[in-house]
Amino acid sequence: MGSEHKQVIILRKDLVAQGAHARFTKICVSVNSEAELLAVHEKARAAGVLTHTAVAVGPDHAGKVDQITGELPLL
């Protein structure tokens, strides 16, 4: 495996069309740690808000990421 690092983001096709057609506001925000990220996820889940719309694999060595995501089609 090479030293190149990358991240692949997997999106649900059944939801991509909605996001691409600007039917709702999309805002990117950040957290400072995995613990904070998981706390936000839990808060959304507890409120009944949809959370399973995307998965990020990586960042890690490109070859390692490719083993997991290499067979998925580009969006």
N, C-alpha and C. Protein backbone atom coordinates (compact mmCIF):
# COMPACT_ATOMS: atom_id res chain seq x y z
N MET A 1 0.84 -1.19 0.00
CA MET A 1 0.00 0.00 0.00
C MET A 1 0.88 1.24 0.00
N GLY A 2 0.53 2.19 -0.84
CA GLY A 2 1.30 3.42 -0.94
C GLY A 2 1.09 4.32 0.26
N SER A 3 1.80 5.44 0.26
CA SER A 3 1.69 6.37 1.37
C SER A 3 0.60 7.41 1.15
N GLU A 4 -0.06 7.37 -0.04
CA GLU A 4 -1.12 8.33 -0.33
C GLU A 4 -2.31 8.06 0.60
N HIS A 5 -2.88 9.13 1.12
CA HIS A 5 -4.06 9.02 1.97
C HIS A 5 -5.26 9.57 1.23
N LYS A 6 -6.42 9.03 1.51
CA LYS A 6 -7.64 9.57 0.93
C LYS A 6 -8.83 9.21 1.80
N GLN A 7 -9.95 9.82 1.48
CA GLN A 7 -11.21 9.56 2.16
C GLN A 7 -12.28 9.41 1.09
N VAL A 8 -13.15 8.43 1.25
CA VAL A 8 -14.26 8.22 0.34
C VAL A 8 -15.55 8.44 1.12
N ILE A 9 -16.44 9.24 0.56
CA ILE A 9 -17.74 9.49 1.19
C ILE A 9 -18.80 8.77 0.38
N ILE A 10 -19.54 7.89 1.04
CA ILE A 10 -20.58 7.10 0.39
C ILE A 10 -21.93 7.72 0.71
N LEU A 11 -22.70 8.05 -0.34
CA LEU A 11 -24.01 8.69 -0.17
C LEU A 11 -25.11 7.75 -0.62
N ARG A 12 -26.24 7.80 0.06
CA ARG A 12 -27.41 7.02 -0.34
C ARG A 12 -28.02 7.63 -1.60
N LYS A 13 -28.15 6.85 -2.66
CA LYS A 13 -28.70 7.36 -3.92
C LYS A 13 -30.14 7.82 -3.76
N ASP A 14 -30.89 7.19 -2.87
CA ASP A 14 -32.29 7.58 -2.70
C ASP A 14 -32.43 8.95 -2.04
N LEU A 15 -31.36 9.48 -1.48
CA LEU A 15 -31.40 10.80 -0.85
C LEU A 15 -30.59 11.84 -1.61
N VAL A 16 -29.69 11.42 -2.46
CA VAL A 16 -28.84 12.36 -3.19
C VAL A 16 -29.67 13.29 -4.07
N ALA A 17 -30.67 12.75 -4.74
CA ALA A 17 -31.49 13.58 -5.63
C ALA A 17 -32.15 14.71 -4.87
N GLN A 18 -32.62 14.44 -3.68
CA GLN A 18 -33.25 15.50 -2.87
C GLN A 18 -32.25 16.60 -2.57
N GLY A 19 -31.05 16.23 -2.14
CA GLY A 19 -30.04 17.22 -1.80
C GLY A 19 -29.56 18.00 -2.99
N ALA A 20 -29.46 17.34 -4.13
CA ALA A 20 -28.96 18.00 -5.33
C ALA A 20 -29.96 19.00 -5.91
N HIS A 21 -31.22 18.85 -5.60
CA HIS A 21 -32.23 19.74 -6.15
C HIS A 21 -32.57 20.91 -5.22
N ALA A 22 -31.75 21.12 -4.23
CA ALA A 22 -31.90 22.28 -3.33
C ALA A 22 -33.29 22.38 -2.72
N ARG A 23 -33.84 21.26 -2.31
CA ARG A 23 -35.16 21.29 -1.66
C ARG A 23 -35.06 21.69 -0.21
N PHE A 24 -33.86 21.76 0.30
CA PHE A 24 -33.68 22.18 1.69
C PHE A 24 -32.29 22.79 1.85
N THR A 25 -32.12 23.54 2.91
CA THR A 25 -30.84 24.19 3.19
C THR A 25 -29.84 23.15 3.69
N LYS A 26 -28.62 23.20 3.19
CA LYS A 26 -27.54 22.33 3.63
C LYS A 26 -26.43 23.21 4.21
N ILE A 27 -26.00 22.88 5.39
CA ILE A 27 -24.96 23.65 6.07
C ILE A 27 -23.92 22.68 6.60
N CYS A 28 -22.64 22.94 6.38
CA CYS A 28 -21.56 22.11 6.91
C CYS A 28 -21.04 22.75 8.19
N VAL A 29 -20.91 21.94 9.22
CA VAL A 29 -20.38 22.39 10.50
C VAL A 29 -19.31 21.40 10.94
N SER A 30 -18.64 21.67 12.03
CA SER A 30 -17.59 20.77 12.49
C SER A 30 -17.70 20.55 13.99
N VAL A 31 -17.07 19.48 14.43
CA VAL A 31 -16.89 19.18 15.85
C VAL A 31 -15.40 18.96 16.07
N ASN A 32 -14.99 18.95 17.31
CA ASN A 32 -13.56 18.84 17.62
C ASN A 32 -13.07 17.44 17.92
N SER A 33 -14.00 16.47 17.99
CA SER A 33 -13.57 15.12 18.34
C SER A 33 -14.61 14.10 17.91
N GLU A 34 -14.19 12.85 17.91
CA GLU A 34 -15.12 11.76 17.61
C GLU A 34 -16.22 11.69 18.67
N ALA A 35 -15.86 11.95 19.91
CA ALA A 35 -16.85 11.93 20.99
C ALA A 35 -17.95 12.96 20.74
N GLU A 36 -17.57 14.16 20.32
CA GLU A 36 -18.57 15.19 20.01
C GLU A 36 -19.42 14.77 18.82
N LEU A 37 -18.80 14.18 17.80
CA LEU A 37 -19.53 13.71 16.63
C LEU A 37 -20.57 12.67 17.03
N LEU A 38 -20.17 11.71 17.84
CA LEU A 38 -21.09 10.67 18.28
C LEU A 38 -22.20 11.23 19.17
N ALA A 39 -21.89 12.25 19.96
CA ALA A 39 -22.92 12.89 20.79
C ALA A 39 -23.98 13.57 19.94
N VAL A 40 -23.55 14.23 18.86
CA VAL A 40 -24.51 14.86 17.94
C VAL A 40 -25.35 13.79 17.26
N HIS A 41 -24.71 12.71 16.83
CA HIS A 41 -25.45 11.61 16.20
C HIS A 41 -26.50 11.05 17.16
N GLU A 42 -26.13 10.84 18.39
CA GLU A 42 -27.07 10.30 19.38
C GLU A 42 -28.21 11.27 19.64
N LYS A 43 -27.91 12.54 19.72
CA LYS A 43 -28.93 13.57 19.93
C LYS A 43 -29.95 13.56 18.78
N ALA A 44 -29.45 13.46 17.55
CA ALA A 44 -30.33 13.41 16.38
C ALA A 44 -31.16 12.14 16.39
N ARG A 45 -30.54 11.01 16.69
CA ARG A 45 -31.26 9.73 16.74
C ARG A 45 -32.36 9.77 17.79
N ALA A 46 -32.05 10.30 18.96
CA ALA A 46 -33.04 10.38 20.04
C ALA A 46 -34.22 11.27 19.67
N ALA A 47 -33.97 12.27 18.84
CA ALA A 47 -35.03 13.18 18.40
C ALA A 47 -35.79 12.63 17.19
N GLY A 48 -35.37 11.48 16.68
CA GLY A 48 -36.03 10.89 15.53
C GLY A 48 -35.64 11.52 14.21
N VAL A 49 -34.49 12.21 14.17
CA VAL A 49 -34.01 12.86 12.95
C VAL A 49 -33.19 11.85 12.16
N LEU A 50 -33.42 11.78 10.85
CA LEU A 50 -32.70 10.86 9.97
C LEU A 50 -31.21 11.12 10.06
N THR A 51 -30.42 10.07 10.27
CA THR A 51 -28.97 10.24 10.38
C THR A 51 -28.18 9.35 9.43
N HIS A 52 -28.78 8.36 8.86
CA HIS A 52 -28.03 7.43 8.01
C HIS A 52 -28.11 7.84 6.55
N THR A 53 -27.46 8.95 6.23
CA THR A 53 -27.49 9.46 4.87
C THR A 53 -26.14 9.38 4.18
N ALA A 54 -25.06 9.30 4.94
CA ALA A 54 -23.72 9.23 4.36
C ALA A 54 -22.78 8.53 5.32
N VAL A 55 -21.74 7.93 4.76
CA VAL A 55 -20.68 7.30 5.55
C VAL A 55 -19.35 7.74 4.94
N ALA A 56 -18.42 8.13 5.76
CA ALA A 56 -17.08 8.46 5.30
C ALA A 56 -16.14 7.32 5.70
N VAL A 57 -15.37 6.83 4.74
CA VAL A 57 -14.38 5.79 5.02
C VAL A 57 -13.01 6.46 4.87
N GLY A 58 -12.28 6.51 5.95
CA GLY A 58 -10.98 7.18 5.97
C GLY A 58 -11.10 8.49 6.72
N PRO A 59 -10.06 9.28 6.66
CA PRO A 59 -8.87 9.13 5.84
C PRO A 59 -7.96 8.02 6.37
N ASP A 60 -7.34 7.32 5.42
CA ASP A 60 -6.38 6.26 5.70
C ASP A 60 -5.57 6.03 4.42
N HIS A 61 -4.70 5.05 4.45
CA HIS A 61 -3.92 4.74 3.26
C HIS A 61 -4.87 4.40 2.12
N ALA A 62 -4.58 4.93 0.93
CA ALA A 62 -5.46 4.78 -0.23
C ALA A 62 -5.77 3.31 -0.51
N GLY A 63 -4.80 2.45 -0.44
CA GLY A 63 -5.02 1.03 -0.71
C GLY A 63 -5.98 0.39 0.27
N LYS A 64 -5.89 0.79 1.50
CA LYS A 64 -6.79 0.26 2.54
C LYS A 64 -8.23 0.72 2.28
N VAL A 65 -8.40 1.99 1.96
CA VAL A 65 -9.72 2.54 1.65
C VAL A 65 -10.28 1.87 0.40
N ASP A 66 -9.43 1.67 -0.61
CA ASP A 66 -9.87 1.04 -1.85
C ASP A 66 -10.37 -0.38 -1.64
N GLN A 67 -9.79 -1.11 -0.69
CA GLN A 67 -10.25 -2.47 -0.39
C GLN A 67 -11.71 -2.47 0.08
N ILE A 68 -12.11 -1.40 0.71
CA ILE A 68 -13.48 -1.29 1.25
C ILE A 68 -14.43 -0.68 0.23
N THR A 69 -13.99 0.32 -0.50
CA THR A 69 -14.88 1.10 -1.34
C THR A 69 -14.62 0.97 -2.85
N GLY A 70 -13.56 0.27 -3.23
CA GLY A 70 -13.14 0.22 -4.62
C GLY A 70 -14.16 -0.32 -5.60
N GLU A 71 -15.08 -1.14 -5.16
CA GLU A 71 -16.10 -1.73 -6.06
C GLU A 71 -17.35 -0.87 -6.18
N LEU A 72 -17.44 0.20 -5.40
CA LEU A 72 -18.64 1.06 -5.46
C LEU A 72 -18.58 1.97 -6.66
N PRO A 73 -19.73 2.20 -7.33
CA PRO A 73 -19.73 3.08 -8.50
C PRO A 73 -19.60 4.54 -8.09
N LEU A 74 -18.99 5.34 -8.96
CA LEU A 74 -18.93 6.79 -8.73
C LEU A 74 -20.34 7.37 -8.84
N LEU A 75 -20.59 8.42 -8.14
CA LEU A 75 -21.92 9.03 -8.12
C LEU A 75 -22.16 9.87 -9.34
